[in-house]
Amino acid sequence: MIVNNLKPPYYAVIFTTVVSENLEDYEKTAQKMEVLASQQKGFLGIDSARNDIGITVSYWRTLEDITAWKNNTEHTLARNLGREKWYRTYQLRICKVEREYGFLK
């Protein structure tokens, strides 16, 4: 399901990854992080696709909310595991969404 109930302006954090061969506990941790993020102040939603290249976009009210999520202890532990075990490379981008449109059948 695509998140489609957002009202600009808001922020999008785009997390793009290339995974390594060692994915032990990766999916379990990714699901846990989605649940944990959804409990954070300012969280608006998440869209994710994980294959050879993974793309996860989370949506937030403010830059301060994004920083608080970055500094969350469990998220920091998961991020460190990603660097050590799961990702060959990753890129994080933070964007301000000022306009959006789409359709739903």
PDB file of N, CA and C in Angstrom:
ATOM      1  N   MET A   1       0.839  -1.180   0.000  1.00  0.00           N
ATOM      2  CA  MET A   1       0.000   0.000   0.000  1.00  0.00           C
ATOM      3  C   MET A   1       0.884   1.245   0.000  1.00  0.00           C
ATOM      4  N   ILE A   2       0.591   2.154  -0.865  1.00  0.00           N
ATOM      5  CA  ILE A   2       1.321   3.423  -0.947  1.00  0.00           C
ATOM      6  C   ILE A   2       0.695   4.406   0.035  1.00  0.00           C
ATOM      7  N   VAL A   3       1.531   5.088   0.795  1.00  0.00           N
ATOM      8  CA  VAL A   3       1.038   6.123   1.702  1.00  0.00           C
ATOM      9  C   VAL A   3       0.456   7.242   0.840  1.00  0.00           C
ATOM     10  N   ASN A   4      -0.816   7.562   1.030  1.00  0.00           N
ATOM     11  CA  ASN A   4      -1.434   8.562   0.161  1.00  0.00           C
ATOM     12  C   ASN A   4      -2.294   9.574   0.916  1.00  0.00           C
ATOM     13  N   ASN A   5      -2.084   9.697   2.217  1.00  0.00           N
ATOM     14  CA  ASN A   5      -2.914  10.617   2.991  1.00  0.00           C
ATOM     15  C   ASN A   5      -2.103  11.771   3.577  1.00  0.00           C
ATOM     16  N   LEU A   6      -1.010  12.120   2.950  1.00  0.00           N
ATOM     17  CA  LEU A   6      -0.118  13.157   3.475  1.00  0.00           C
ATOM     18  C   LEU A   6      -0.496  14.520   2.905  1.00  0.00           C
ATOM     19  N   LYS A   7      -0.266  15.540   3.705  1.00  0.00           N
ATOM     20  CA  LYS A   7      -0.553  16.910   3.288  1.00  0.00           C
ATOM     21  C   LYS A   7       0.746  17.714   3.324  1.00  0.00           C
ATOM     22  N   PRO A   8       1.263  18.117   2.152  1.00  0.00           N
ATOM     23  CA  PRO A   8       2.485  18.922   2.126  1.00  0.00           C
ATOM     24  C   PRO A   8       2.281  20.248   2.858  1.00  0.00           C
ATOM     25  N   PRO A   9       3.374  20.820   3.355  1.00  0.00           N
ATOM     26  CA  PRO A   9       4.744  20.312   3.257  1.00  0.00           C
ATOM     27  C   PRO A   9       5.047  19.298   4.366  1.00  0.00           C
ATOM     28  N   TYR A  10       5.935  18.382   4.038  1.00  0.00           N
ATOM     29  CA  TYR A  10       6.466  17.399   4.978  1.00  0.00           C
ATOM     30  C   TYR A  10       7.820  16.960   4.433  1.00  0.00           C
ATOM     31  N   TYR A  11       8.495  16.085   5.154  1.00  0.00           N
ATOM     32  CA  TYR A  11       9.820  15.640   4.741  1.00  0.00           C
ATOM     33  C   TYR A  11       9.810  14.167   4.396  1.00  0.00           C
ATOM     34  N   ALA A  12      10.618  13.810   3.409  1.00  0.00           N
ATOM     35  CA  ALA A  12      10.809  12.414   3.019  1.00  0.00           C
ATOM     36  C   ALA A  12      12.276  12.052   3.232  1.00  0.00           C
ATOM     37  N   VAL A  13      12.501  10.933   3.908  1.00  0.00           N
ATOM     38  CA  VAL A  13      13.844  10.386   4.070  1.00  0.00           C
ATOM     39  C   VAL A  13      13.931   9.183   3.147  1.00  0.00           C
ATOM     40  N   ILE A  14      14.797   9.265   2.157  1.00  0.00           N
ATOM     41  CA  ILE A  14      14.941   8.202   1.155  1.00  0.00           C
ATOM     42  C   ILE A  14      16.214   7.429   1.474  1.00  0.00           C
ATOM     43  N   PHE A  15      16.042   6.153   1.774  1.00  0.00           N
ATOM     44  CA  PHE A  15      17.145   5.277   2.172  1.00  0.00           C
ATOM     45  C   PHE A  15      17.293   4.208   1.096  1.00  0.00           C
ATOM     46  N   THR A  16      18.370   4.288   0.323  1.00  0.00           N
ATOM     47  CA  THR A  16      18.628   3.368  -0.782  1.00  0.00           C
ATOM     48  C   THR A  16      19.808   2.480  -0.411  1.00  0.00           C
ATOM     49  N   THR A  17      19.661   1.156  -0.612  1.00  0.00           N
ATOM     50  CA  THR A  17      20.693   0.210  -0.186  1.00  0.00           C
ATOM     51  C   THR A  17      21.002  -0.816  -1.261  1.00  0.00           C
ATOM     52  N   VAL A  18      22.209  -1.348  -1.183  1.00  0.00           N
ATOM     53  CA  VAL A  18      22.593  -2.572  -1.876  1.00  0.00           C
ATOM     54  C   VAL A  18      23.023  -3.522  -0.775  1.00  0.00           C
ATOM     55  N   VAL A  19      22.360  -4.667  -0.697  1.00  0.00           N
ATOM     56  CA  VAL A  19      22.620  -5.579   0.413  1.00  0.00           C
ATOM     57  C   VAL A  19      23.822  -6.475   0.146  1.00  0.00           C
ATOM     58  N   SER A  20      24.382  -6.984   1.229  1.00  0.00           N
ATOM     59  CA  SER A  20      25.492  -7.929   1.156  1.00  0.00           C
ATOM     60  C   SER A  20      24.930  -9.341   1.101  1.00  0.00           C
ATOM     61  N   GLU A  21      25.792 -10.318   1.195  1.00  0.00           N
ATOM     62  CA  GLU A  21      25.380 -11.722   1.184  1.00  0.00           C
ATOM     63  C   GLU A  21      24.810 -12.159   2.533  1.00  0.00           C
ATOM     64  N   ASN A  22      25.246 -11.533   3.613  1.00  0.00           N
ATOM     65  CA  ASN A  22      24.863 -11.929   4.967  1.00  0.00           C
ATOM     66  C   ASN A  22      23.616 -11.157   5.402  1.00  0.00           C
ATOM     67  N   LEU A  23      22.438 -11.765   5.260  1.00  0.00           N
ATOM     68  CA  LEU A  23      21.194 -11.086   5.609  1.00  0.00           C
ATOM     69  C   LEU A  23      20.509 -11.702   6.828  1.00  0.00           C
ATOM     70  N   GLU A  24      21.288 -12.375   7.655  1.00  0.00           N
ATOM     71  CA  GLU A  24      20.739 -12.978   8.866  1.00  0.00           C
ATOM     72  C   GLU A  24      20.073 -11.904   9.726  1.00  0.00           C
ATOM     73  N   ASP A  25      18.815 -12.114  10.058  1.00  0.00           N
ATOM     74  CA  ASP A  25      18.005 -11.218  10.883  1.00  0.00           C
ATOM     75  C   ASP A  25      17.676  -9.882  10.218  1.00  0.00           C
ATOM     76  N   TYR A  26      18.008  -9.713   8.958  1.00  0.00           N
ATOM     77  CA  TYR A  26      17.778  -8.435   8.285  1.00  0.00           C
ATOM     78  C   TYR A  26      16.288  -8.102   8.201  1.00  0.00           C
ATOM     79  N   GLU A  27      15.493  -9.012   7.668  1.00  0.00           N
ATOM     80  CA  GLU A  27      14.062  -8.739   7.478  1.00  0.00           C
ATOM     81  C   GLU A  27      13.362  -8.512   8.815  1.00  0.00           C
ATOM     82  N   LYS A  28      13.704  -9.309   9.799  1.00  0.00           N
ATOM     83  CA  LYS A  28      13.124  -9.157  11.140  1.00  0.00           C
ATOM     84  C   LYS A  28      13.446  -7.775  11.714  1.00  0.00           C
ATOM     85  N   THR A  29      14.681  -7.342  11.556  1.00  0.00           N
ATOM     86  CA  THR A  29      15.091  -6.035  12.069  1.00  0.00           C
ATOM     87  C   THR A  29      14.429  -4.915  11.278  1.00  0.00           C
ATOM     88  N   ALA A  30      14.326  -5.070   9.967  1.00  0.00           N
ATOM     89  CA  ALA A  30      13.679  -4.048   9.136  1.00  0.00           C
ATOM     90  C   ALA A  30      12.217  -3.865   9.556  1.00  0.00           C
ATOM     91  N   GLN A  31      11.516  -4.953   9.789  1.00  0.00           N
ATOM     92  CA  GLN A  31      10.126  -4.866  10.238  1.00  0.00           C
ATOM     93  C   GLN A  31      10.033  -4.211  11.611  1.00  0.00           C
ATOM     94  N   LYS A  32      10.952  -4.553  12.500  1.00  0.00           N
ATOM     95  CA  LYS A  32      10.969  -3.960  13.836  1.00  0.00           C
ATOM     96  C   LYS A  32      11.201  -2.453  13.753  1.00  0.00           C
ATOM     97  N   MET A  33      12.098  -2.021  12.861  1.00  0.00           N
ATOM     98  CA  MET A  33      12.382  -0.596  12.711  1.00  0.00           C
ATOM     99  C   MET A  33      11.171   0.141  12.156  1.00  0.00           C
ATOM    100  N   GLU A  34      10.420  -0.483  11.258  1.00  0.00           N
ATOM    101  CA  GLU A  34       9.209   0.155  10.738  1.00  0.00           C
ATOM    102  C   GLU A  34       8.197   0.371  11.850  1.00  0.00           C
ATOM    103  N   VAL A  35       8.010  -0.628  12.698  1.00  0.00           N
ATOM    104  CA  VAL A  35       7.080  -0.499  13.832  1.00  0.00           C
ATOM    105  C   VAL A  35       7.571   0.575  14.788  1.00  0.00           C
ATOM    106  N   LEU A  36       8.854   0.556  15.117  1.00  0.00           N
ATOM    107  CA  LEU A  36       9.420   1.531  16.038  1.00  0.00           C
ATOM    108  C   LEU A  36       9.310   2.950  15.474  1.00  0.00           C
ATOM    109  N   ALA A  37       9.620   3.114  14.196  1.00  0.00           N
ATOM    110  CA  ALA A  37       9.515   4.436  13.566  1.00  0.00           C
ATOM    111  C   ALA A  37       8.083   4.954  13.634  1.00  0.00           C
ATOM    112  N   SER A  38       7.121   4.067  13.427  1.00  0.00           N
ATOM    113  CA  SER A  38       5.716   4.490  13.430  1.00  0.00           C
ATOM    114  C   SER A  38       5.272   5.008  14.791  1.00  0.00           C
ATOM    115  N   GLN A  39       6.027   4.707  15.831  1.00  0.00           N
ATOM    116  CA  GLN A  39       5.702   5.158  17.183  1.00  0.00           C
ATOM    117  C   GLN A  39       6.394   6.480  17.544  1.00  0.00           C
ATOM    118  N   GLN A  40       7.227   6.982  16.643  1.00  0.00           N
ATOM    119  CA  GLN A  40       7.989   8.201  16.917  1.00  0.00           C
ATOM    120  C   GLN A  40       7.170   9.443  16.606  1.00  0.00           C
ATOM    121  N   LYS A  41       7.396  10.500  17.365  1.00  0.00           N
ATOM    122  CA  LYS A  41       6.753  11.791  17.112  1.00  0.00           C
ATOM    123  C   LYS A  41       7.069  12.252  15.700  1.00  0.00           C
ATOM    124  N   GLY A  42       6.055  12.715  15.005  1.00  0.00           N
ATOM    125  CA  GLY A  42       6.241  13.287  13.682  1.00  0.00           C
ATOM    126  C   GLY A  42       6.237  12.295  12.543  1.00  0.00           C
ATOM    127  N   PHE A  43       6.169  10.991  12.829  1.00  0.00           N
ATOM    128  CA  PHE A  43       6.147   9.975  11.777  1.00  0.00           C
ATOM    129  C   PHE A  43       4.815  10.050  11.037  1.00  0.00           C
ATOM    130  N   LEU A  44       4.874  10.022   9.698  1.00  0.00           N
ATOM    131  CA  LEU A  44       3.667  10.117   8.884  1.00  0.00           C
ATOM    132  C   LEU A  44       3.379   8.850   8.089  1.00  0.00           C
ATOM    133  N   GLY A  45       4.395   8.047   7.773  1.00  0.00           N
ATOM    134  CA  GLY A  45       4.180   6.832   6.984  1.00  0.00           C
ATOM    135  C   GLY A  45       5.479   6.331   6.389  1.00  0.00           C
ATOM    136  N   ILE A  46       5.366   5.191   5.679  1.00  0.00           N
ATOM    137  CA  ILE A  46       6.556   4.583   5.062  1.00  0.00           C
ATOM    138  C   ILE A  46       6.150   3.796   3.826  1.00  0.00           C
ATOM    139  N   ASP A  47       6.973   3.865   2.792  1.00  0.00           N
ATOM    140  CA  ASP A  47       6.862   3.044   1.586  1.00  0.00           C
ATOM    141  C   ASP A  47       8.198   2.328   1.435  1.00  0.00           C
ATOM    142  N   SER A  48       8.161   1.039   1.049  1.00  0.00           N
ATOM    143  CA  SER A  48       9.413   0.292   0.972  1.00  0.00           C
ATOM    144  C   SER A  48       9.338  -0.782  -0.104  1.00  0.00           C
ATOM    145  N   ALA A  49      10.468  -0.979  -0.788  1.00  0.00           N
ATOM    146  CA  ALA A  49      10.642  -2.077  -1.737  1.00  0.00           C
ATOM    147  C   ALA A  49      12.048  -2.608  -1.540  1.00  0.00           C
ATOM    148  N   ARG A  50      12.148  -3.915  -1.269  1.00  0.00           N
ATOM    149  CA  ARG A  50      13.467  -4.493  -1.005  1.00  0.00           C
ATOM    150  C   ARG A  50      13.724  -5.644  -1.967  1.00  0.00           C
ATOM    151  N   ASN A  51      14.709  -5.454  -2.823  1.00  0.00           N
ATOM    152  CA  ASN A  51      15.188  -6.483  -3.737  1.00  0.00           C
ATOM    153  C   ASN A  51      16.705  -6.363  -3.787  1.00  0.00           C
ATOM    154  N   ASP A  52      17.307  -6.483  -4.981  1.00  0.00           N
ATOM    155  CA  ASP A  52      18.745  -6.278  -5.109  1.00  0.00           C
ATOM    156  C   ASP A  52      19.131  -4.877  -4.652  1.00  0.00           C
ATOM    157  N   ILE A  53      18.297  -3.911  -5.016  1.00  0.00           N
ATOM    158  CA  ILE A  53      18.440  -2.550  -4.516  1.00  0.00           C
ATOM    159  C   ILE A  53      17.197  -2.287  -3.680  1.00  0.00           C
ATOM    160  N   GLY A  54      17.409  -1.890  -2.437  1.00  0.00           N
ATOM    161  CA  GLY A  54      16.290  -1.593  -1.560  1.00  0.00           C
ATOM    162  C   GLY A  54      16.065  -0.100  -1.481  1.00  0.00           C
ATOM    163  N   ILE A  55      14.793   0.289  -1.487  1.00  0.00           N
ATOM    164  CA  ILE A  55      14.442   1.693  -1.325  1.00  0.00           C
ATOM    165  C   ILE A  55      13.344   1.781  -0.279  1.00  0.00           C
ATOM    166  N   THR A  56      13.613   2.531   0.766  1.00  0.00           N
ATOM    167  CA  THR A  56      12.625   2.793   1.799  1.00  0.00           C
ATOM    168  C   THR A  56      12.496   4.297   1.939  1.00  0.00           C
ATOM    169  N   VAL A  57      11.266   4.777   1.878  1.00  0.00           N
ATOM    170  CA  VAL A  57      10.997   6.202   2.044  1.00  0.00           C
ATOM    171  C   VAL A  57      10.111   6.361   3.268  1.00  0.00           C
ATOM    172  N   SER A  58      10.593   7.097   4.257  1.00  0.00           N
ATOM    173  CA  SER A  58       9.773   7.398   5.423  1.00  0.00           C
ATOM    174  C   SER A  58       9.426   8.879   5.379  1.00  0.00           C
ATOM    175  N   TYR A  59       8.275   9.215   5.937  1.00  0.00           N
ATOM    176  CA  TYR A  59       7.738  10.569   5.861  1.00  0.00           C
ATOM    177  C   TYR A  59       7.593  11.142   7.263  1.00  0.00           C
ATOM    178  N   TRP A  60       8.014  12.415   7.407  1.00  0.00           N
ATOM    179  CA  TRP A  60       8.096  13.052   8.721  1.00  0.00           C
ATOM    180  C   TRP A  60       7.591  14.481   8.665  1.00  0.00           C
ATOM    181  N   ARG A  61       7.093  14.963   9.804  1.00  0.00           N
ATOM    182  CA  ARG A  61       6.589  16.336   9.887  1.00  0.00           C
ATOM    183  C   ARG A  61       7.713  17.370   9.834  1.00  0.00           C
ATOM    184  N   THR A  62       8.797  17.139  10.598  1.00  0.00           N
ATOM    185  CA  THR A  62       9.848  18.163  10.712  1.00  0.00           C
ATOM    186  C   THR A  62      11.238  17.530  10.636  1.00  0.00           C
ATOM    187  N   LEU A  63      12.228  18.372  10.396  1.00  0.00           N
ATOM    188  CA  LEU A  63      13.625  17.921  10.426  1.00  0.00           C
ATOM    189  C   LEU A  63      14.016  17.479  11.835  1.00  0.00           C
ATOM    190  N   GLU A  64      13.464  18.130  12.845  1.00  0.00           N
ATOM    191  CA  GLU A  64      13.757  17.746  14.226  1.00  0.00           C
ATOM    192  C   GLU A  64      13.250  16.333  14.520  1.00  0.00           C
ATOM    193  N   ASP A  65      12.080  15.980  13.969  1.00  0.00           N
ATOM    194  CA  ASP A  65      11.551  14.623  14.138  1.00  0.00           C
ATOM    195  C   ASP A  65      12.472  13.593  13.487  1.00  0.00           C
ATOM    196  N   ILE A  66      13.036  13.936  12.342  1.00  0.00           N
ATOM    197  CA  ILE A  66      13.971  13.042  11.652  1.00  0.00           C
ATOM    198  C   ILE A  66      15.230  12.850  12.498  1.00  0.00           C
ATOM    199  N   THR A  67      15.743  13.927  13.064  1.00  0.00           N
ATOM    200  CA  THR A  67      16.928  13.842  13.914  1.00  0.00           C
ATOM    201  C   THR A  67      16.653  12.987  15.149  1.00  0.00           C
ATOM    202  N   ALA A  68      15.476  13.144  15.746  1.00  0.00           N
ATOM    203  CA  ALA A  68      15.127  12.333  16.916  1.00  0.00           C
ATOM    204  C   ALA A  68      15.086  10.857  16.542  1.00  0.00           C
ATOM    205  N   TRP A  69      14.555  10.518  15.369  1.00  0.00           N
ATOM    206  CA  TRP A  69      14.535   9.127  14.909  1.00  0.00           C
ATOM    207  C   TRP A  69      15.963   8.628  14.682  1.00  0.00           C
ATOM    208  N   LYS A  70      16.789   9.448  14.067  1.00  0.00           N
ATOM    209  CA  LYS A  70      18.186   9.062  13.841  1.00  0.00           C
ATOM    210  C   LYS A  70      18.881   8.735  15.156  1.00  0.00           C
ATOM    211  N   ASN A  71      18.566   9.484  16.210  1.00  0.00           N
ATOM    212  CA  ASN A  71      19.225   9.313  17.497  1.00  0.00           C
ATOM    213  C   ASN A  71      18.553   8.285  18.401  1.00  0.00           C
ATOM    214  N   ASN A  72      17.467   7.670  17.956  1.00  0.00           N
ATOM    215  CA  ASN A  72      16.806   6.620  18.730  1.00  0.00           C
ATOM    216  C   ASN A  72      17.795   5.468  18.952  1.00  0.00           C
ATOM    217  N   THR A  73      17.896   4.987  20.189  1.00  0.00           N
ATOM    218  CA  THR A  73      18.898   3.982  20.549  1.00  0.00           C
ATOM    219  C   THR A  73      18.761   2.701  19.742  1.00  0.00           C
ATOM    220  N   GLU A  74      17.556   2.161  19.635  1.00  0.00           N
ATOM    221  CA  GLU A  74      17.370   0.910  18.872  1.00  0.00           C
ATOM    222  C   GLU A  74      17.661   1.114  17.393  1.00  0.00           C
ATOM    223  N   HIS A  75      17.281   2.273  16.861  1.00  0.00           N
ATOM    224  CA  HIS A  75      17.566   2.575  15.461  1.00  0.00           C
ATOM    225  C   HIS A  75      19.074   2.672  15.231  1.00  0.00           C
ATOM    226  N   THR A  76      19.792   3.267  16.178  1.00  0.00           N
ATOM    227  CA  THR A  76      21.253   3.365  16.071  1.00  0.00           C
ATOM    228  C   THR A  76      21.887   1.979  16.057  1.00  0.00           C
ATOM    229  N   LEU A  77      21.419   1.077  16.916  1.00  0.00           N
ATOM    230  CA  LEU A  77      21.945  -0.298  16.922  1.00  0.00           C
ATOM    231  C   LEU A  77      21.684  -0.986  15.587  1.00  0.00           C
ATOM    232  N   ALA A  78      20.476  -0.837  15.050  1.00  0.00           N
ATOM    233  CA  ALA A  78      20.146  -1.447  13.754  1.00  0.00           C
ATOM    234  C   ALA A  78      20.984  -0.837  12.634  1.00  0.00           C
ATOM    235  N   ARG A  79      21.177   0.478  12.675  1.00  0.00           N
ATOM    236  CA  ARG A  79      21.993   1.146  11.660  1.00  0.00           C
ATOM    237  C   ARG A  79      23.422   0.625  11.693  1.00  0.00           C
ATOM    238  N   ASN A  80      23.965   0.420  12.886  1.00  0.00           N
ATOM    239  CA  ASN A  80      25.322  -0.118  13.011  1.00  0.00           C
ATOM    240  C   ASN A  80      25.408  -1.542  12.469  1.00  0.00           C
ATOM    241  N   LEU A  81      24.396  -2.364  12.734  1.00  0.00           N
ATOM    242  CA  LEU A  81      24.357  -3.720  12.153  1.00  0.00           C
ATOM    243  C   LEU A  81      24.322  -3.655  10.633  1.00  0.00           C
ATOM    244  N   GLY A  82      23.563  -2.709  10.102  1.00  0.00           N
ATOM    245  CA  GLY A  82      23.507  -2.542   8.651  1.00  0.00           C
ATOM    246  C   GLY A  82      24.875  -2.260   8.060  1.00  0.00           C
ATOM    247  N   ARG A  83      25.598  -1.377   8.685  1.00  0.00           N
ATOM    248  CA  ARG A  83      26.946  -1.050   8.205  1.00  0.00           C
ATOM    249  C   ARG A  83      27.894  -2.237   8.323  1.00  0.00           C
ATOM    250  N   GLU A  84      27.773  -2.986   9.433  1.00  0.00           N
ATOM    251  CA  GLU A  84      28.687  -4.103   9.680  1.00  0.00           C
ATOM    252  C   GLU A  84      28.339  -5.356   8.879  1.00  0.00           C
ATOM    253  N   LYS A  85      27.031  -5.639   8.694  1.00  0.00           N
ATOM    254  CA  LYS A  85      26.621  -6.939   8.158  1.00  0.00           C
ATOM    255  C   LYS A  85      25.825  -6.886   6.856  1.00  0.00           C
ATOM    256  N   TRP A  86      24.819  -6.034   6.771  1.00  0.00           N
ATOM    257  CA  TRP A  86      23.797  -6.198   5.739  1.00  0.00           C
ATOM    258  C   TRP A  86      24.020  -5.407   4.468  1.00  0.00           C
ATOM    259  N   TYR A  87      24.658  -4.254   4.543  1.00  0.00           N
ATOM    260  CA  TYR A  87      24.743  -3.382   3.376  1.00  0.00           C
ATOM    261  C   TYR A  87      26.141  -3.341   2.790  1.00  0.00           C
ATOM    262  N   ARG A  88      26.195  -3.489   1.468  1.00  0.00           N
ATOM    263  CA  ARG A  88      27.450  -3.223   0.764  1.00  0.00           C
ATOM    264  C   ARG A  88      27.617  -1.722   0.617  1.00  0.00           C
ATOM    265  N   THR A  89      26.502  -1.045   0.409  1.00  0.00           N
ATOM    266  CA  THR A  89      26.503   0.413   0.309  1.00  0.00           C
ATOM    267  C   THR A  89      25.105   0.927   0.627  1.00  0.00           C
ATOM    268  N   TYR A  90      25.034   2.169   1.067  1.00  0.00           N
ATOM    269  CA  TYR A  90      23.730   2.814   1.202  1.00  0.00           C
ATOM    270  C   TYR A  90      23.875   4.312   1.017  1.00  0.00           C
ATOM    271  N   GLN A  91      22.765   4.944   0.706  1.00  0.00           N
ATOM    272  CA  GLN A  91      22.713   6.392   0.549  1.00  0.00           C
ATOM    273  C   GLN A  91      21.438   6.874   1.222  1.00  0.00           C
ATOM    274  N   LEU A  92      21.527   7.958   1.951  1.00  0.00           N
ATOM    275  CA  LEU A  92      20.376   8.543   2.619  1.00  0.00           C
ATOM    276  C   LEU A  92      20.180   9.953   2.086  1.00  0.00           C
ATOM    277  N   ARG A  93      18.943  10.268   1.740  1.00  0.00           N
ATOM    278  CA  ARG A  93      18.615  11.605   1.239  1.00  0.00           C
ATOM    279  C   ARG A  93      17.415  12.134   2.018  1.00  0.00           C
ATOM    280  N   ILE A  94      17.449  13.414   2.366  1.00  0.00           N
ATOM    281  CA  ILE A  94      16.334  14.039   3.064  1.00  0.00           C
ATOM    282  C   ILE A  94      15.814  15.159   2.165  1.00  0.00           C
ATOM    283  N   CYS A  95      14.520  15.103   1.884  1.00  0.00           N
ATOM    284  CA  CYS A  95      13.911  16.046   0.948  1.00  0.00           C
ATOM    285  C   CYS A  95      12.676  16.682   1.567  1.00  0.00           C
ATOM    286  N   LYS A  96      12.437  17.921   1.236  1.00  0.00           N
ATOM    287  CA  LYS A  96      11.193  18.577   1.634  1.00  0.00           C
ATOM    288  C   LYS A  96      10.192  18.413   0.497  1.00  0.00           C
ATOM    289  N   VAL A  97       9.057  17.839   0.806  1.00  0.00           N
ATOM    290  CA  VAL A  97       7.999  17.640  -0.185  1.00  0.00           C
ATOM    291  C   VAL A  97       7.061  18.840  -0.101  1.00  0.00           C
ATOM    292  N   GLU A  98       6.983  19.569  -1.179  1.00  0.00           N
ATOM    293  CA  GLU A  98       6.137  20.761  -1.210  1.00  0.00           C
ATOM    294  C   GLU A  98       4.864  20.542  -2.008  1.00  0.00           C
ATOM    295  N   ARG A  99       4.875  19.521  -2.859  1.00  0.00           N
ATOM    296  CA  ARG A  99       3.706  19.240  -3.676  1.00  0.00           C
ATOM    297  C   ARG A  99       3.686  17.750  -3.979  1.00  0.00           C
ATOM    298  N   GLU A 100       2.501  17.190  -4.111  1.00  0.00           N
ATOM    299  CA  GLU A 100       2.359  15.794  -4.496  1.00  0.00           C
ATOM    300  C   GLU A 100       1.047  15.613  -5.239  1.00  0.00           C
ATOM    301  N   TYR A 101       0.979  14.574  -6.033  1.00  0.00           N
ATOM    302  CA  TYR A 101      -0.277  14.227  -6.681  1.00  0.00           C
ATOM    303  C   TYR A 101      -0.225  12.762  -7.061  1.00  0.00           C
ATOM    304  N   GLY A 102      -1.354  12.180  -7.339  1.00  0.00           N
ATOM    305  CA  GLY A 102      -1.450  10.781  -7.715  1.00  0.00           C
ATOM    306  C   GLY A 102      -2.906  10.426  -7.955  1.00  0.00           C
ATOM    307  N   PHE A 103      -3.174   9.148  -8.112  1.00  0.00           N
ATOM    308  CA  PHE A 103      -4.551   8.706  -8.248  1.00  0.00           C
ATOM    309  C   PHE A 103      -4.710   7.346  -7.625  1.00  0.00           C
ATOM    310  N   LEU A 104      -5.932   7.006  -7.312  1.00  0.00           N
ATOM    311  CA  LEU A 104      -6.263   5.746  -6.671  1.00  0.00           C
ATOM    312  C   LEU A 104      -7.498   5.187  -7.357  1.00  0.00           C
ATOM    313  N   LYS A 105      -7.408   3.973  -7.867  1.00  0.00           N
ATOM    314  CA  LYS A 105      -8.578   3.338  -8.516  1.00  0.00           C
ATOM    315  C   LYS A 105      -9.378   2.580  -7.504  1.00  0.00           C
TER     316      LYS A 105
END
